[in-house]
Amino acid sequence: MPTGDFLIDLYWRVDEALGTIPPHPQACLAASEVVTLGLLFALKGVGNRAVSRWVDQNWRSLFPRLPHRTRLFRRFKTHRGWTGQFLASPTLLGVIDTDGSERLHPIREGRSPRQIGTKGRSNHRWIVGGKLCLLLTQWGLIVGWDGATANVHDRHFQGLVAGVQHTTVVLADANFHRAAGDPPNLKICPRGAWNDRMLIETVRSMLTLICHFKKVMHRGWDYFCARLAYTMAAFNLPVQWHGPQPDEDGFIPLSIAQFSL
């Protein structure tokens, strides 16, 4: 699909979900435009300046009232809650896991008083940055997410599991177990059991390769959380672009590679 056609179609889908939000009388962008630009930022997977130049040089005709870069990203931060419209509904079976996003190399920890994120382990190595927790449906869509610094233990995210305890049985690894008691819908899966959990590895791979989630350069924690919010929406929308298309075995493949910018 040509990029211009994709942008127009993306804006239409966003506007269908957010068109009822009234614009601020002094705002230069409507809610649908803000979220569309935020999704482009997440799909592009580059820094603030790079994506701002890309939109200004190539798609200014679609966003004639595009504000200055710093003002635009402040709006991303302020209105990140709008992305919750694009999260999926829970299903009977779910999967939860965490993934780290590196902000600094560990050897550079503590060199700046403005450092965001902390040192912790992710994928069997040390990073300095943040941690993303994903709760997925049995089809691989994102139901909920939460972010924290890299030193936070996985059991800190049990609130996501408790939030769907009446609808979903959530598969998790041993790191989500809490000695004081787990939510009744949390099922701890031994290593090598329940291959359904491999679904989250597919999702994490797409977030890494398409959205470049592993390397982010934000200088404020609120901006990092905004990046997470738009990335979650930027995954859910394209992966459902053509609707569910199961193969002959009933498996629904996941892919957003064709929407890479």
Protein backbone atom coordinates (compact mmCIF):
# COMPACT_ATOMS: atom_id res chain seq x y z
CA MET A 1 0.00 0.00 0.00
CA PRO A 2 1.41 3.45 -0.89
CA THR A 3 2.32 5.47 2.19
CA GLY A 4 -0.09 8.30 1.31
CA ASP A 5 -3.02 5.90 1.02
CA PHE A 6 -2.01 4.27 4.30
CA LEU A 7 -1.95 7.62 6.10
CA ILE A 8 -5.40 8.58 4.85
CA ASP A 9 -6.83 5.18 5.79
CA LEU A 10 -5.14 5.33 9.19
CA TYR A 11 -6.59 8.77 9.87
CA TRP A 12 -10.07 7.55 8.90
CA ARG A 13 -9.83 4.61 11.35
CA VAL A 14 -8.60 6.87 14.14
CA ASP A 15 -11.31 9.43 13.46
CA GLU A 16 -13.98 6.73 13.61
CA ALA A 17 -12.85 6.00 17.19
CA LEU A 18 -12.10 9.55 18.37
CA GLY A 19 -14.34 11.73 16.23
CA THR A 20 -16.65 12.49 19.17
CA ILE A 21 -13.89 14.26 21.16
CA PRO A 22 -14.54 18.00 20.78
CA PRO A 23 -11.52 20.05 19.66
CA HIS A 24 -10.08 22.67 21.97
CA PRO A 25 -10.92 26.16 20.64
CA GLN A 26 -7.22 27.11 20.60
CA ALA A 27 -5.88 23.78 19.31
CA CYS A 28 -4.33 23.67 15.86
CA LEU A 29 -4.87 19.89 15.56
CA ALA A 30 -7.96 17.78 16.14
CA ALA A 31 -7.79 14.75 18.43
CA SER A 32 -7.72 12.40 15.44
CA GLU A 33 -4.77 14.26 13.93
CA VAL A 34 -2.81 14.16 17.19
CA VAL A 35 -3.29 10.41 17.58
CA THR A 36 -2.56 9.72 13.90
CA LEU A 37 0.73 11.60 14.15
CA GLY A 38 1.53 9.75 17.38
CA LEU A 39 0.93 6.41 15.66
CA LEU A 40 3.20 7.46 12.79
CA PHE A 41 5.86 8.35 15.35
CA ALA A 42 5.59 4.89 16.91
CA LEU A 43 5.61 3.06 13.56
CA LYS A 44 8.51 5.10 12.23
CA GLY A 45 10.55 4.14 15.29
CA VAL A 46 13.02 7.03 15.08
CA GLY A 47 13.79 10.05 17.24
CA ASN A 48 11.64 13.13 17.74
CA ARG A 49 13.57 15.36 15.35
CA ALA A 50 13.77 12.75 12.60
CA VAL A 51 10.06 11.97 12.55
CA SER A 52 9.19 15.68 12.72
CA ARG A 53 11.35 16.38 9.66
CA TRP A 54 9.86 13.39 7.84
CA VAL A 55 6.28 14.55 8.37
CA ASP A 56 7.08 18.19 7.56
CA GLN A 57 8.94 17.38 4.34
CA ASN A 58 6.66 14.65 2.99
CA TRP A 59 3.16 14.99 4.46
CA ARG A 60 2.70 18.66 5.25
CA SER A 61 -0.19 18.73 2.77
CA LEU A 62 -2.10 16.23 4.95
CA PHE A 63 -1.37 18.17 8.16
CA PRO A 64 -1.34 21.84 7.07
CA ARG A 65 -1.55 23.13 10.66
CA LEU A 66 1.31 21.01 11.96
CA PRO A 67 2.74 22.74 15.07
CA HIS A 68 6.38 23.05 16.06
CA ARG A 69 8.06 19.81 17.07
CA THR A 70 8.25 20.54 20.81
CA ARG A 71 4.62 21.58 20.99
CA LEU A 72 3.53 18.51 19.05
CA PHE A 73 5.32 16.12 21.39
CA ARG A 74 3.89 17.86 24.43
CA ARG A 75 0.47 17.12 22.98
CA PHE A 76 1.47 13.48 22.52
CA LYS A 77 2.35 13.36 26.22
CA THR A 78 -0.78 15.17 27.38
CA HIS A 79 -3.27 13.13 25.35
CA ARG A 80 -1.71 9.67 25.49
CA GLY A 81 -4.87 8.45 27.25
CA TRP A 82 -6.73 8.64 23.94
CA THR A 83 -4.81 5.57 22.77
CA GLY A 84 -6.82 3.44 25.19
CA GLN A 85 -9.60 3.41 22.59
CA PHE A 86 -7.50 1.04 20.50
CA LEU A 87 -6.81 -1.64 23.11
CA ALA A 88 -8.52 -4.99 22.55
CA SER A 89 -11.21 -6.60 24.66
CA PRO A 90 -10.09 -9.52 26.87
CA THR A 91 -10.67 -13.11 25.76
CA LEU A 92 -10.99 -16.37 27.70
CA LEU A 93 -7.24 -17.04 27.54
CA GLY A 94 -4.50 -14.43 27.85
CA VAL A 95 -0.72 -14.17 28.07
CA ILE A 96 1.39 -11.73 30.10
CA ASP A 97 5.11 -11.00 30.05
CA THR A 98 7.59 -8.13 30.32
CA ASP A 99 10.27 -6.73 28.05
CA GLY A 100 13.00 -4.18 28.65
CA SER A 101 13.67 -0.98 26.71
CA GLU A 102 17.23 0.25 26.98
CA ARG A 103 17.81 3.97 27.52
CA LEU A 104 21.55 3.89 28.29
CA HIS A 105 24.41 1.45 28.21
CA PRO A 106 24.96 0.21 31.79
CA ILE A 107 28.48 1.66 31.86
CA ARG A 108 26.97 5.16 31.48
CA GLU A 109 24.63 4.80 34.45
CA GLY A 110 24.63 7.78 36.80
CA ARG A 111 26.64 10.14 34.60
CA SER A 112 23.75 12.56 34.21
CA PRO A 113 21.52 13.93 37.00
CA ARG A 114 18.65 13.93 34.47
CA GLN A 115 18.87 10.19 33.81
CA ILE A 116 15.52 8.45 33.42
CA GLY A 117 15.12 4.77 34.12
CA THR A 118 17.22 2.60 36.38
CA LYS A 119 19.45 -0.45 36.10
CA GLY A 120 17.82 -3.85 35.93
CA ARG A 121 17.89 -7.20 34.16
CA SER A 122 16.02 -7.93 30.93
CA ASN A 123 16.44 -11.00 28.71
CA HIS A 124 19.31 -12.24 30.89
CA ARG A 125 21.38 -9.04 30.62
CA TRP A 126 21.70 -5.72 32.39
CA ILE A 127 20.10 -2.59 30.94
CA VAL A 128 19.43 0.96 32.11
CA GLY A 129 15.97 2.08 31.11
CA GLY A 130 12.38 0.97 31.46
CA LYS A 131 10.28 -2.16 31.41
CA LEU A 132 7.07 -2.80 29.49
CA CYS A 133 4.49 -5.35 30.63
CA LEU A 134 2.09 -6.65 27.98
CA LEU A 135 -1.22 -8.46 28.49
CA LEU A 136 -2.40 -10.14 25.28
CA THR A 137 -5.50 -11.93 24.09
CA GLN A 138 -5.29 -15.48 22.79
CA TRP A 139 -5.08 -13.95 19.28
CA GLY A 140 -2.11 -11.71 20.08
CA LEU A 141 -3.89 -8.35 20.49
CA ILE A 142 -2.86 -6.04 23.33
CA VAL A 143 -5.49 -5.81 26.09
CA GLY A 144 -3.49 -3.78 28.59
CA TRP A 145 0.00 -2.60 29.37
CA ASP A 146 2.01 -0.94 32.08
CA GLY A 147 5.46 0.60 32.30
CA ALA A 148 8.03 0.88 35.07
CA THR A 149 11.76 1.29 35.54
CA ALA A 150 13.95 -1.68 34.67
CA ASN A 151 14.64 -2.62 38.31
CA VAL A 152 10.96 -3.36 39.04
CA HIS A 153 10.13 -7.04 39.49
CA ASP A 154 7.55 -8.70 37.25
CA ARG A 155 5.17 -9.38 40.14
CA HIS A 156 4.66 -5.60 40.37
CA PHE A 157 2.41 -5.95 37.30
CA GLN A 158 -0.10 -8.35 38.86
CA GLY A 159 -2.64 -5.53 38.77
CA LEU A 160 -3.07 -6.15 35.04
CA VAL A 161 -3.96 -9.76 35.80
CA ALA A 162 -6.36 -8.84 38.58
CA GLY A 163 -8.10 -6.38 36.26
CA VAL A 164 -9.37 -9.23 34.03
CA GLN A 165 -9.93 -11.87 36.71
CA HIS A 166 -13.61 -12.26 35.81
CA THR A 167 -13.02 -12.84 32.09
CA THR A 168 -9.52 -14.22 31.41
CA VAL A 169 -7.17 -16.96 32.54
CA VAL A 170 -3.71 -15.41 32.21
CA LEU A 171 -0.63 -17.53 31.46
CA ALA A 172 2.58 -16.24 33.04
CA ASP A 173 6.08 -17.39 33.90
CA ALA A 174 7.41 -17.95 37.43
CA ASN A 175 8.54 -14.32 37.78
CA PHE A 176 4.92 -13.24 38.23
CA HIS A 177 4.38 -15.47 41.28
CA ARG A 178 3.99 -13.71 44.62
CA ALA A 179 4.44 -15.56 47.90
CA ALA A 180 1.67 -13.54 49.55
CA GLY A 181 -0.87 -14.87 47.04
CA ASP A 182 -1.64 -14.57 43.34
CA PRO A 183 -4.83 -13.45 41.59
CA PRO A 184 -7.16 -16.44 41.09
CA ASN A 185 -6.96 -16.20 37.30
CA LEU A 186 -3.14 -16.28 37.14
CA LYS A 187 -1.68 -19.56 35.92
CA ILE A 188 2.07 -19.97 36.40
CA CYS A 189 3.49 -22.05 33.54
CA PRO A 190 6.66 -24.10 34.06
CA ARG A 191 9.47 -23.53 31.60
CA GLY A 192 8.83 -25.47 28.37
CA ALA A 193 5.10 -25.92 29.04
CA TRP A 194 2.14 -24.17 27.45
CA ASN A 195 3.44 -23.27 24.01
CA ASP A 196 0.63 -20.69 23.81
CA ARG A 197 2.98 -18.36 25.66
CA MET A 198 5.21 -18.18 22.58
CA LEU A 199 2.62 -15.80 21.13
CA ILE A 200 4.08 -12.98 23.18
CA GLU A 201 7.53 -13.60 21.70
CA THR A 202 6.03 -12.93 18.25
CA VAL A 203 4.53 -9.65 19.45
CA ARG A 204 7.76 -8.55 21.15
CA SER A 205 9.70 -9.34 17.99
CA MET A 206 7.45 -7.10 15.88
CA LEU A 207 7.66 -4.27 18.39
CA THR A 208 11.45 -4.55 18.29
CA LEU A 209 11.94 -4.84 14.52
CA ILE A 210 9.21 -2.48 13.27
CA CYS A 211 8.81 0.05 16.09
CA HIS A 212 12.43 -0.14 17.34
CA PHE A 213 11.11 -0.33 20.87
CA LYS A 214 14.38 -1.61 22.34
CA LYS A 215 16.18 1.70 21.76
CA VAL A 216 14.43 4.94 22.72
CA MET A 217 16.05 8.29 23.42
CA HIS A 218 13.45 10.19 25.42
CA ARG A 219 14.74 12.51 28.15
CA GLY A 220 11.62 12.54 30.33
CA TRP A 221 9.71 9.67 31.91
CA ASP A 222 6.31 11.03 30.83
CA TYR A 223 7.49 11.12 27.22
CA PHE A 224 8.75 7.54 27.51
CA CYS A 225 5.31 6.42 28.78
CA ALA A 226 3.65 8.32 25.93
CA ARG A 227 5.87 6.45 23.48
CA LEU A 228 4.69 3.17 25.01
CA ALA A 229 1.04 4.19 24.71
CA TYR A 230 1.25 5.11 21.04
CA THR A 231 3.32 1.99 20.29
CA MET A 232 0.60 -0.25 21.75
CA ALA A 233 -2.05 1.43 19.60
CA ALA A 234 0.28 1.35 16.59
CA PHE A 235 0.47 -2.42 16.96
CA ASN A 236 -3.22 -3.17 17.50
CA LEU A 237 -4.51 -1.11 14.57
CA PRO A 238 -2.29 -2.46 11.73
CA VAL A 239 -2.42 -6.06 12.92
CA GLN A 240 -6.23 -5.97 12.49
CA TRP A 241 -6.09 -3.97 9.24
CA HIS A 242 -7.69 -6.64 7.03
CA GLY A 243 -9.59 -8.42 9.80
CA PRO A 244 -8.87 -11.95 11.06
CA GLN A 245 -7.64 -14.21 8.27
CA PRO A 246 -7.17 -17.73 9.70
CA ASP A 247 -5.28 -20.35 7.71
CA GLU A 248 -6.52 -23.88 7.00
CA ASP A 249 -5.62 -24.91 10.57
CA GLY A 250 -7.53 -22.03 12.12
CA PHE A 251 -4.37 -20.16 13.11
CA ILE A 252 -4.47 -16.37 12.70
CA PRO A 253 -0.99 -15.11 11.75
CA LEU A 254 0.24 -11.77 13.08
CA SER A 255 2.19 -9.32 10.95
CA ILE A 256 2.74 -5.55 10.74
CA ALA A 257 5.81 -5.73 8.50
CA GLN A 258 3.90 -4.32 5.50
CA PHE A 259 3.23 -1.15 7.53
CA SER A 260 6.86 -0.43 8.29
CA LEU A 261 7.69 3.20 7.51
